[in-house]
C-alpha atoms as a PDB file:
ATOM      1  CA  UNK A   1       0.168  -0.140  -0.018  1.00  0.00           C
ATOM      2  CA  UNK A   2       1.485   3.263  -1.064  1.00  0.00           C
ATOM      3  CA  UNK A   3       1.739   6.167   1.056  1.00  0.00           C
ATOM      4  CA  UNK A   4       1.937   9.736   0.096  1.00  0.00           C
ATOM      5  CA  UNK A   5       4.813  11.621   2.016  1.00  0.00           C
ATOM      6  CA  UNK A   6       4.306  13.719   4.785  1.00  0.00           C
ATOM      7  CA  UNK A   7       3.428  17.398   3.780  1.00  0.00           C
ATOM      8  CA  UNK A   8       6.208  19.701   4.921  1.00  0.00           C
ATOM      9  CA  UNK A   9       6.039  22.665   7.132  1.00  0.00           C
ATOM     10  CA  UNK A  10       6.190  25.058   3.946  1.00  0.00           C
ATOM     11  CA  UNK A  11       3.018  23.246   1.942  1.00  0.00           C
ATOM     12  CA  UNK A  12       1.187  22.992   5.138  1.00  0.00           C
ATOM     13  CA  UNK A  13       1.241  26.836   5.328  1.00  0.00           C
ATOM     14  CA  UNK A  14       0.318  27.454   1.567  1.00  0.00           C
ATOM     15  CA  UNK A  15      -2.652  24.823   1.713  1.00  0.00           C
ATOM     16  CA  UNK A  16      -3.795  26.783   4.356  1.00  0.00           C
ATOM     17  CA  UNK A  17      -3.121  30.454   3.284  1.00  0.00           C
ATOM     18  CA  UNK A  18      -4.685  29.875  -0.272  1.00  0.00           C
ATOM     19  CA  UNK A  19      -8.393  28.938   0.429  1.00  0.00           C
ATOM     20  CA  UNK A  20      -8.033  31.917   2.717  1.00  0.00           C
ATOM     21  CA  UNK A  21      -6.580  34.585   0.130  1.00  0.00           C
ATOM     22  CA  UNK A  22      -9.035  33.307  -2.282  1.00  0.00           C
ATOM     23  CA  UNK A  23     -12.270  33.585   0.237  1.00  0.00           C
ATOM     24  CA  UNK A  24     -10.488  37.224   0.767  1.00  0.00           C
ATOM     25  CA  UNK A  25     -11.289  38.461  -2.778  1.00  0.00           C
ATOM     26  CA  UNK A  26     -15.000  37.561  -2.254  1.00  0.00           C
ATOM     27  CA  UNK A  27     -17.877  39.496  -3.254  1.00  0.00           C
ATOM     28  CA  UNK A  28     -17.032  42.619  -1.472  1.00  0.00           C
ATOM     29  CA  UNK A  29     -15.086  41.001   0.850  1.00  0.00           C
ATOM     30  CA  UNK A  30     -17.822  42.127   3.107  1.00  0.00           C
ATOM     31  CA  UNK A  31     -16.523  42.597   6.926  1.00  0.00           C
ATOM     32  CA  UNK A  32     -12.960  44.206   5.518  1.00  0.00           C
ATOM     33  CA  UNK A  33     -15.000  46.457   3.174  1.00  0.00           C
ATOM     34  CA  UNK A  34     -17.490  47.500   5.964  1.00  0.00           C
ATOM     35  CA  UNK A  35     -14.927  48.404   8.122  1.00  0.00           C
ATOM     36  CA  UNK A  36     -13.139  50.791   5.699  1.00  0.00           C
ATOM     37  CA  UNK A  37     -16.089  52.029   5.000  1.00  0.00           C
ATOM     38  CA  UNK A  38     -17.233  52.516   8.991  1.00  0.00           C
ATOM     39  CA  UNK A  39     -13.606  54.003   9.350  1.00  0.00           C
ATOM     40  CA  UNK A  40     -13.866  56.679   6.426  1.00  0.00           C
ATOM     41  CA  UNK A  41     -17.300  57.781   7.857  1.00  0.00           C
ATOM     42  CA  UNK A  42     -16.464  57.990  11.963  1.00  0.00           C
ATOM     43  CA  UNK A  43     -12.845  59.964  10.675  1.00  0.00           C
ATOM     44  CA  UNK A  44     -14.594  62.385   8.130  1.00  0.00           C
ATOM     45  CA  UNK A  45     -17.101  62.601  11.061  1.00  0.00           C
ATOM     46  CA  UNK A  46     -15.065  63.797  13.259  1.00  0.00           C
ATOM     47  CA  UNK A  47     -12.264  65.736  11.262  1.00  0.00           C
ATOM     48  CA  UNK A  48     -15.264  67.949  10.200  1.00  0.00           C
ATOM     49  CA  UNK A  49     -17.025  68.572  13.827  1.00  0.00           C
ATOM     50  CA  UNK A  50     -13.875  69.204  15.641  1.00  0.00           C
ATOM     51  CA  UNK A  51     -12.582  71.344  12.630  1.00  0.00           C
ATOM     52  CA  UNK A  52     -16.039  73.619  12.537  1.00  0.00           C
ATOM     53  CA  UNK A  53     -16.660  73.606  16.070  1.00  0.00           C
ATOM     54  CA  UNK A  54     -13.491  75.236  16.562  1.00  0.00           C
ATOM     55  CA  UNK A  55     -14.941  77.838  13.636  1.00  0.00           C
ATOM     56  CA  UNK A  56     -18.183  78.243  15.376  1.00  0.00           C
ATOM     57  CA  UNK A  57     -16.026  78.850  18.732  1.00  0.00           C
ATOM     58  CA  UNK A  58     -15.083  81.927  16.811  1.00  0.00           C
ATOM     59  CA  UNK A  59     -17.761  83.888  16.538  1.00  0.00           C
ATOM     60  CA  UNK A  60     -21.654  84.885  17.452  1.00  0.00           C
ATOM     61  CA  UNK A  61     -22.703  83.988  21.239  1.00  0.00           C
ATOM     62  CA  UNK A  62     -19.953  81.933  21.945  1.00  0.00           C
ATOM     63  CA  UNK A  63     -17.001  84.615  21.757  1.00  0.00           C
ATOM     64  CA  UNK A  64     -18.481  86.493  24.582  1.00  0.00           C
ATOM     65  CA  UNK A  65     -16.893  89.589  23.511  1.00  0.00           C
ATOM     66  CA  UNK A  66     -13.170  87.910  24.127  1.00  0.00           C
ATOM     67  CA  UNK A  67     -10.317  86.943  21.954  1.00  0.00           C
ATOM     68  CA  UNK A  68     -10.801  83.419  20.523  1.00  0.00           C
ATOM     69  CA  UNK A  69      -8.258  80.954  18.964  1.00  0.00           C
ATOM     70  CA  UNK A  70      -8.392  82.963  15.588  1.00  0.00           C
ATOM     71  CA  UNK A  71      -6.902  81.128  12.252  1.00  0.00           C
ATOM     72  CA  UNK A  72      -3.981  79.970  13.578  1.00  0.00           C
ATOM     73  CA  UNK A  73      -5.952  78.264  15.960  1.00  0.00           C
ATOM     74  CA  UNK A  74      -8.665  76.641  13.604  1.00  0.00           C
ATOM     75  CA  UNK A  75      -5.682  75.457  11.151  1.00  0.00           C
ATOM     76  CA  UNK A  76      -4.347  74.020  14.188  1.00  0.00           C
ATOM     77  CA  UNK A  77      -7.505  72.218  14.608  1.00  0.00           C
ATOM     78  CA  UNK A  78      -7.742  70.744  11.722  1.00  0.00           C
ATOM     79  CA  UNK A  79      -4.228  69.353  11.068  1.00  0.00           C
ATOM     80  CA  UNK A  80      -3.794  67.911  14.547  1.00  0.00           C
ATOM     81  CA  UNK A  81      -7.077  66.249  14.146  1.00  0.00           C
ATOM     82  CA  UNK A  82      -6.065  64.411  11.024  1.00  0.00           C
ATOM     83  CA  UNK A  83      -2.671  63.861  12.461  1.00  0.00           C
ATOM     84  CA  UNK A  84      -4.720  61.694  14.883  1.00  0.00           C
ATOM     85  CA  UNK A  85      -7.156  60.675  12.795  1.00  0.00           C
ATOM     86  CA  UNK A  86      -4.352  59.268  10.311  1.00  0.00           C
ATOM     87  CA  UNK A  87      -2.573  57.050  13.084  1.00  0.00           C
ATOM     88  CA  UNK A  88      -5.893  55.372  14.359  1.00  0.00           C
ATOM     89  CA  UNK A  89      -7.880  54.937  11.284  1.00  0.00           C
ATOM     90  CA  UNK A  90      -5.513  54.920   8.765  1.00  0.00           C
ATOM     91  CA  UNK A  91      -4.433  51.682   9.272  1.00  0.00           C
ATOM     92  CA  UNK A  92      -8.350  50.407   8.814  1.00  0.00           C
ATOM     93  CA  UNK A  93      -9.466  52.473   5.685  1.00  0.00           C
ATOM     94  CA  UNK A  94      -6.163  54.382   4.306  1.00  0.00           C
ATOM     95  CA  UNK A  95      -7.071  57.438   6.260  1.00  0.00           C
ATOM     96  CA  UNK A  96      -8.445  59.621   3.417  1.00  0.00           C
ATOM     97  CA  UNK A  97     -11.868  61.462   5.092  1.00  0.00           C
ATOM     98  CA  UNK A  98     -11.607  63.643   1.921  1.00  0.00           C
ATOM     99  CA  UNK A  99     -13.175  62.628  -1.311  1.00  0.00           C
ATOM    100  CA  UNK A 100     -10.418  64.672  -3.460  1.00  0.00           C
ATOM    101  CA  UNK A 101      -7.698  62.590  -1.637  1.00  0.00           C
ATOM    102  CA  UNK A 102      -9.744  59.479  -2.995  1.00  0.00           C
ATOM    103  CA  UNK A 103     -10.333  60.374  -6.408  1.00  0.00           C
ATOM    104  CA  UNK A 104      -6.790  61.196  -6.413  1.00  0.00           C
ATOM    105  CA  UNK A 105      -5.119  58.150  -5.224  1.00  0.00           C
ATOM    106  CA  UNK A 106      -8.050  56.061  -7.529  1.00  0.00           C
ATOM    107  CA  UNK A 107      -6.589  58.138 -10.564  1.00  0.00           C
ATOM    108  CA  UNK A 108      -3.076  57.376  -9.814  1.00  0.00           C
ATOM    109  CA  UNK A 109      -3.873  53.810  -9.406  1.00  0.00           C
ATOM    110  CA  UNK A 110      -3.043  53.728  -5.956  1.00  0.00           C
ATOM    111  CA  UNK A 111      -6.658  52.635  -4.873  1.00  0.00           C
ATOM    112  CA  UNK A 112      -9.364  50.343  -5.705  1.00  0.00           C
ATOM    113  CA  UNK A 113     -11.995  51.666  -8.266  1.00  0.00           C
ATOM    114  CA  UNK A 114     -14.460  49.564  -6.354  1.00  0.00           C
ATOM    115  CA  UNK A 115     -14.132  51.405  -3.307  1.00  0.00           C
ATOM    116  CA  UNK A 116     -14.755  55.067  -4.683  1.00  0.00           C
ATOM    117  CA  UNK A 117     -18.074  55.545  -4.644  1.00  0.00           C
ATOM    118  CA  UNK A 118     -18.512  53.815  -1.137  1.00  0.00           C
ATOM    119  CA  UNK A 119     -15.630  56.040  -0.036  1.00  0.00           C
ATOM    120  CA  UNK A 120     -17.158  59.121  -1.133  1.00  0.00           C
ATOM    121  CA  UNK A 121     -20.254  58.166  -0.130  1.00  0.00           C
ATOM    122  CA  UNK A 122     -19.135  57.525   3.795  1.00  0.00           C
ATOM    123  CA  UNK A 123     -17.391  60.685   3.503  1.00  0.00           C
ATOM    124  CA  UNK A 124     -20.255  62.763   3.051  1.00  0.00           C
ATOM    125  CA  UNK A 125     -22.624  61.197   5.208  1.00  0.00           C
ATOM    126  CA  UNK A 126     -19.859  61.543   8.198  1.00  0.00           C
ATOM    127  CA  UNK A 127     -19.697  65.232   7.504  1.00  0.00           C
ATOM    128  CA  UNK A 128     -23.059  65.659   7.540  1.00  0.00           C
ATOM    129  CA  UNK A 129     -23.675  64.001  10.629  1.00  0.00           C
ATOM    130  CA  UNK A 130     -21.000  66.220  12.097  1.00  0.00           C
ATOM    131  CA  UNK A 131     -22.460  69.314  11.106  1.00  0.00           C
ATOM    132  CA  UNK A 132     -25.961  68.190  12.460  1.00  0.00           C
ATOM    133  CA  UNK A 133     -23.979  67.408  15.670  1.00  0.00           C
ATOM    134  CA  UNK A 134     -22.691  70.552  16.003  1.00  0.00           C
ATOM    135  CA  UNK A 135     -25.674  72.208  14.696  1.00  0.00           C
ATOM    136  CA  UNK A 136     -27.575  70.197  18.212  1.00  0.00           C
ATOM    137  CA  UNK A 137     -25.154  71.542  19.792  1.00  0.00           C
ATOM    138  CA  UNK A 138     -24.566  75.262  19.144  1.00  0.00           C
ATOM    139  CA  UNK A 139     -28.684  75.632  19.087  1.00  0.00           C
ATOM    140  CA  UNK A 140     -28.739  75.233  23.051  1.00  0.00           C
ATOM    141  CA  UNK A 141     -27.014  78.629  23.749  1.00  0.00           C
ATOM    142  CA  UNK A 142     -29.084  81.166  23.749  1.00  0.00           C
ATOM    143  CA  UNK A 143     -28.754  84.131  21.293  1.00  0.00           C
ATOM    144  CA  UNK A 144     -27.083  81.341  18.682  1.00  0.00           C
ATOM    145  CA  UNK A 145     -28.971  81.007  15.271  1.00  0.00           C
ATOM    146  CA  UNK A 146     -28.026  79.719  11.777  1.00  0.00           C
ATOM    147  CA  UNK A 147     -26.840  82.886  10.683  1.00  0.00           C
ATOM    148  CA  UNK A 148     -24.580  82.882  13.083  1.00  0.00           C
ATOM    149  CA  UNK A 149     -22.872  80.227  11.101  1.00  0.00           C
ATOM    150  CA  UNK A 150     -21.657  76.610  11.238  1.00  0.00           C
ATOM    151  CA  UNK A 151     -18.383  76.622  10.124  1.00  0.00           C
ATOM    152  CA  UNK A 152     -19.565  76.935   6.503  1.00  0.00           C
ATOM    153  CA  UNK A 153     -16.899  77.910   3.595  1.00  0.00           C
ATOM    154  CA  UNK A 154     -17.208  80.676   1.097  1.00  0.00           C
ATOM    155  CA  UNK A 155     -14.703  82.771  -0.237  1.00  0.00           C
ATOM    156  CA  UNK A 156     -17.303  86.033   0.557  1.00  0.00           C
ATOM    157  CA  UNK A 157     -16.280  88.727  -2.130  1.00  0.00           C
ATOM    158  CA  UNK A 158     -13.423  87.249  -3.667  1.00  0.00           C
ATOM    159  CA  UNK A 159     -13.863  86.669  -7.680  1.00  0.00           C
ATOM    160  CA  UNK A 160     -15.278  83.362  -8.423  1.00  0.00           C
ATOM    161  CA  UNK A 161     -12.325  82.671 -10.658  1.00  0.00           C
ATOM    162  CA  UNK A 162      -9.571  83.342  -7.840  1.00  0.00           C
ATOM    163  CA  UNK A 163     -11.732  81.228  -5.653  1.00  0.00           C
ATOM    164  CA  UNK A 164     -11.757  78.086  -7.868  1.00  0.00           C
ATOM    165  CA  UNK A 165      -7.299  78.648  -8.385  1.00  0.00           C
ATOM    166  CA  UNK A 166      -7.075  79.026  -4.839  1.00  0.00           C
ATOM    167  CA  UNK A 167      -9.266  76.080  -4.265  1.00  0.00           C
ATOM    168  CA  UNK A 168      -7.463  73.641  -6.581  1.00  0.00           C
ATOM    169  CA  UNK A 169      -3.756  74.677  -5.713  1.00  0.00           C
ATOM    170  CA  UNK A 170      -4.126  73.947  -2.034  1.00  0.00           C
ATOM    171  CA  UNK A 171      -5.863  70.562  -2.747  1.00  0.00           C
ATOM    172  CA  UNK A 172      -3.396  69.826  -5.115  1.00  0.00           C
ATOM    173  CA  UNK A 173      -0.918  70.286  -2.337  1.00  0.00           C
ATOM    174  CA  UNK A 174      -2.799  68.210   0.007  1.00  0.00           C
ATOM    175  CA  UNK A 175      -3.639  65.158  -2.588  1.00  0.00           C
ATOM    176  CA  UNK A 176       0.381  65.626  -4.071  1.00  0.00           C
ATOM    177  CA  UNK A 177       1.462  65.170  -0.313  1.00  0.00           C
ATOM    178  CA  UNK A 178      -0.455  62.469   0.418  1.00  0.00           C
ATOM    179  CA  UNK A 179       0.453  60.546  -2.769  1.00  0.00           C
ATOM    180  CA  UNK A 180       4.215  61.259  -2.107  1.00  0.00           C
ATOM    181  CA  UNK A 181       4.453  60.011   1.935  1.00  0.00           C
ATOM    182  CA  UNK A 182       2.056  56.953   1.022  1.00  0.00           C
ATOM    183  CA  UNK A 183       4.410  55.260  -1.484  1.00  0.00           C
ATOM    184  CA  UNK A 184       6.150  52.351  -0.403  1.00  0.00           C
ATOM    185  CA  UNK A 185       9.321  52.958  -1.232  1.00  0.00           C
ATOM    186  CA  UNK A 186       8.569  56.182   0.654  1.00  0.00           C
ATOM    187  CA  UNK A 187      11.895  55.789   3.600  1.00  0.00           C
ATOM    188  CA  UNK A 188       9.687  57.466   6.150  1.00  0.00           C
ATOM    189  CA  UNK A 189       6.668  56.159   5.810  1.00  0.00           C
ATOM    190  CA  UNK A 190       5.708  56.059   9.370  1.00  0.00           C
ATOM    191  CA  UNK A 191       5.923  59.443   9.922  1.00  0.00           C
ATOM    192  CA  UNK A 192       3.540  60.177   6.832  1.00  0.00           C
ATOM    193  CA  UNK A 193       0.334  60.815   8.882  1.00  0.00           C
ATOM    194  CA  UNK A 194       2.291  63.404  10.434  1.00  0.00           C
ATOM    195  CA  UNK A 195       3.289  65.117   7.317  1.00  0.00           C
ATOM    196  CA  UNK A 196       0.045  65.131   6.171  1.00  0.00           C
ATOM    197  CA  UNK A 197      -1.776  66.696   9.002  1.00  0.00           C
ATOM    198  CA  UNK A 198       0.927  69.318   8.689  1.00  0.00           C
ATOM    199  CA  UNK A 199       0.156  69.925   5.380  1.00  0.00           C
ATOM    200  CA  UNK A 200      -3.494  70.959   5.809  1.00  0.00           C
ATOM    201  CA  UNK A 201      -2.402  72.713   8.826  1.00  0.00           C
ATOM    202  CA  UNK A 202      -0.189  74.670   6.580  1.00  0.00           C
ATOM    203  CA  UNK A 203      -2.932  74.821   3.764  1.00  0.00           C
ATOM    204  CA  UNK A 204      -5.023  76.502   6.467  1.00  0.00           C
ATOM    205  CA  UNK A 205      -3.062  79.396   7.015  1.00  0.00           C
ATOM    206  CA  UNK A 206      -2.629  80.010   3.872  1.00  0.00           C
ATOM    207  CA  UNK A 207      -5.939  79.522   2.512  1.00  0.00           C
ATOM    208  CA  UNK A 208      -8.633  80.693   5.194  1.00  0.00           C
ATOM    209  CA  UNK A 209      -7.979  84.267   4.434  1.00  0.00           C
ATOM    210  CA  UNK A 210      -8.605  84.042   0.858  1.00  0.00           C
ATOM    211  CA  UNK A 211     -11.067  81.024   0.368  1.00  0.00           C
ATOM    212  CA  UNK A 212     -11.652  79.892   3.753  1.00  0.00           C
ATOM    213  CA  UNK A 213      -9.688  76.858   2.545  1.00  0.00           C
ATOM    214  CA  UNK A 214     -11.858  74.158   2.078  1.00  0.00           C
ATOM    215  CA  UNK A 215      -9.805  71.437   0.315  1.00  0.00           C
ATOM    216  CA  UNK A 216     -12.329  68.712   0.970  1.00  0.00           C
ATOM    217  CA  UNK A 217     -15.905  68.332  -0.462  1.00  0.00           C
ATOM    218  CA  UNK A 218     -17.270  66.297   2.082  1.00  0.00           C
ATOM    219  CA  UNK A 219     -16.536  69.380   4.262  1.00  0.00           C
ATOM    220  CA  UNK A 220     -17.931  71.560   2.459  1.00  0.00           C
ATOM    221  CA  UNK A 221     -21.382  69.918   1.476  1.00  0.00           C
ATOM    222  CA  UNK A 222     -21.912  68.835   5.471  1.00  0.00           C
ATOM    223  CA  UNK A 223     -22.407  72.484   6.995  1.00  0.00           C
ATOM    224  CA  UNK A 224     -23.941  73.997   3.644  1.00  0.00           C
ATOM    225  CA  UNK A 225     -26.645  72.051   3.925  1.00  0.00           C
ATOM    226  CA  UNK A 226     -27.848  73.065   7.064  1.00  0.00           C
ATOM    227  CA  UNK A 227     -26.584  76.855   6.789  1.00  0.00           C
ATOM    228  CA  UNK A 228     -28.375  76.975   2.855  1.00  0.00           C
ATOM    229  CA  UNK A 229     -28.353  80.452   1.126  1.00  0.00           C
ATOM    230  CA  UNK A 230     -25.089  81.575   0.177  1.00  0.00           C
ATOM    231  CA  UNK A 231     -22.943  78.936   1.473  1.00  0.00           C
ATOM    232  CA  UNK A 232     -24.885  76.109  -0.835  1.00  0.00           C
ATOM    233  CA  UNK A 233     -25.110  78.811  -4.005  1.00  0.00           C
ATOM    234  CA  UNK A 234     -21.446  78.907  -3.639  1.00  0.00           C
ATOM    235  CA  UNK A 235     -20.910  75.100  -2.796  1.00  0.00           C
ATOM    236  CA  UNK A 236     -20.252  74.168  -6.268  1.00  0.00           C
ATOM    237  CA  UNK A 237     -16.689  76.137  -6.058  1.00  0.00           C
ATOM    238  CA  UNK A 238     -15.679  73.996  -3.161  1.00  0.00           C
ATOM    239  CA  UNK A 239     -16.302  70.457  -4.979  1.00  0.00           C
ATOM    240  CA  UNK A 240     -15.153  71.160  -8.087  1.00  0.00           C
ATOM    241  CA  UNK A 241     -12.178  72.904  -7.343  1.00  0.00           C
ATOM    242  CA  UNK A 242     -11.055  70.323  -5.079  1.00  0.00           C
ATOM    243  CA  UNK A 243     -11.331  67.293  -7.291  1.00  0.00           C
ATOM    244  CA  UNK A 244      -9.739  69.037  -9.925  1.00  0.00           C
ATOM    245  CA  UNK A 245      -6.808  69.996  -7.841  1.00  0.00           C
ATOM    246  CA  UNK A 246      -6.907  66.181  -6.840  1.00  0.00           C
ATOM    247  CA  UNK A 247      -6.882  65.198 -10.413  1.00  0.00           C
ATOM    248  CA  UNK A 248      -4.021  67.249 -10.936  1.00  0.00           C
ATOM    249  CA  UNK A 249      -1.773  65.950  -8.674  1.00  0.00           C
ATOM    250  CA  UNK A 250      -2.545  62.467  -9.802  1.00  0.00           C
ATOM    251  CA  UNK A 251      -1.249  63.902 -12.930  1.00  0.00           C
ATOM    252  CA  UNK A 252       1.499  65.255 -11.950  1.00  0.00           C
ATOM    253  CA  UNK A 253       3.101  62.320  -9.429  1.00  0.00           C
ATOM    254  CA  UNK A 254       2.318  59.908 -12.290  1.00  0.00           C
ATOM    255  CA  UNK A 255       4.129  61.960 -14.848  1.00  0.00           C
ATOM    256  CA  UNK A 256       7.232  62.832 -12.405  1.00  0.00           C
ATOM    257  CA  UNK A 257       7.737  58.744 -12.316  1.00  0.00           C
ATOM    258  CA  UNK A 258       7.458  58.956  -8.433  1.00  0.00           C
ATOM    259  CA  UNK A 259       5.803  55.733  -8.332  1.00  0.00           C
ATOM    260  CA  UNK A 260       8.233  52.855  -7.500  1.00  0.00           C
ATOM    261  CA  UNK A 261       6.294  50.065  -8.030  1.00  0.00           C
ATOM    262  CA  UNK A 262       3.562  47.990 -10.212  1.00  0.00           C
ATOM    263  CA  UNK A 263       0.084  49.875  -9.847  1.00  0.00           C
ATOM    264  CA  UNK A 264      -1.690  47.836  -7.775  1.00  0.00           C
ATOM    265  CA  UNK A 265      -3.841  45.248  -8.866  1.00  0.00           C
ATOM    266  CA  UNK A 266      -5.326  43.763  -5.408  1.00  0.00           C
ATOM    267  CA  UNK A 267      -9.023  45.244  -4.796  1.00  0.00           C
ATOM    268  CA  UNK A 268      -7.785  44.414  -1.235  1.00  0.00           C
ATOM    269  CA  UNK A 269      -4.998  46.871  -0.931  1.00  0.00           C
ATOM    270  CA  UNK A 270      -5.191  50.282   1.018  1.00  0.00           C
ATOM    271  CA  UNK A 271      -2.925  52.976   0.640  1.00  0.00           C
ATOM    272  CA  UNK A 272      -2.965  53.853   4.707  1.00  0.00           C
ATOM    273  CA  UNK A 273      -1.066  57.116   5.671  1.00  0.00           C
ATOM    274  CA  UNK A 274       0.338  55.493   9.113  1.00  0.00           C
ATOM    275  CA  UNK A 275       2.254  52.192   7.679  1.00  0.00           C
ATOM    276  CA  UNK A 276       6.055  51.208   8.804  1.00  0.00           C
ATOM    277  CA  UNK A 277       8.522  51.273   5.951  1.00  0.00           C
ATOM    278  CA  UNK A 278       8.960  47.912   4.769  1.00  0.00           C
END
């Protein structure tokens, strides 16, 4: 009676691993995808809530006639929040929290196309929930009304063309930084989240006085839906310009041949802003 040779340790591990890998690429990879979308929703919620809360604290009944945190404080709120989120939720979903970032990563073939719409939907829902919660909290202050604002974006009296260019350039910087520091060959990948957060801080310092530094369609949509009026009529600028800026960043990044490895083909690969160097 013939006997089959015993499996080596390597063969045993290979047999176990192959069916697991096959299952992982099944329809939607169920749990994995759900976790990614939930992380994007939660991350965008926190980014918008904490950032716009800092803005609301600047004026109206909340200022009480005393000095507030000012533009520098707002920039720090957005920048530091993104740093924290990059290292906490980044390993789960990649830490986009911004439709322009997702679009840029997909255009550069650094993120699966199948995640494009679910990520954007999750981000927008997170932003709307954040603005809704801020509205609920702020309305508890005597004298506060929607006219006081929910941290909505506005380019004020700036020409529309200037606002479009400004928002596109600022978003270009953000997305280009994300693409650069999350590349596998980047030697300081573990510091990527810090670099991206500081980039957002600098972007806000540069753009808050011009076009209120939207650079994130979800962040702009959330407050505008509640405030309406001018915020809603100007919303298209804060959607179109960041998308254009993100696409240009992807094109420049690829054109400069900064991608060292072959484009990702696995639908399960997620570009994270807080991974360790290879």
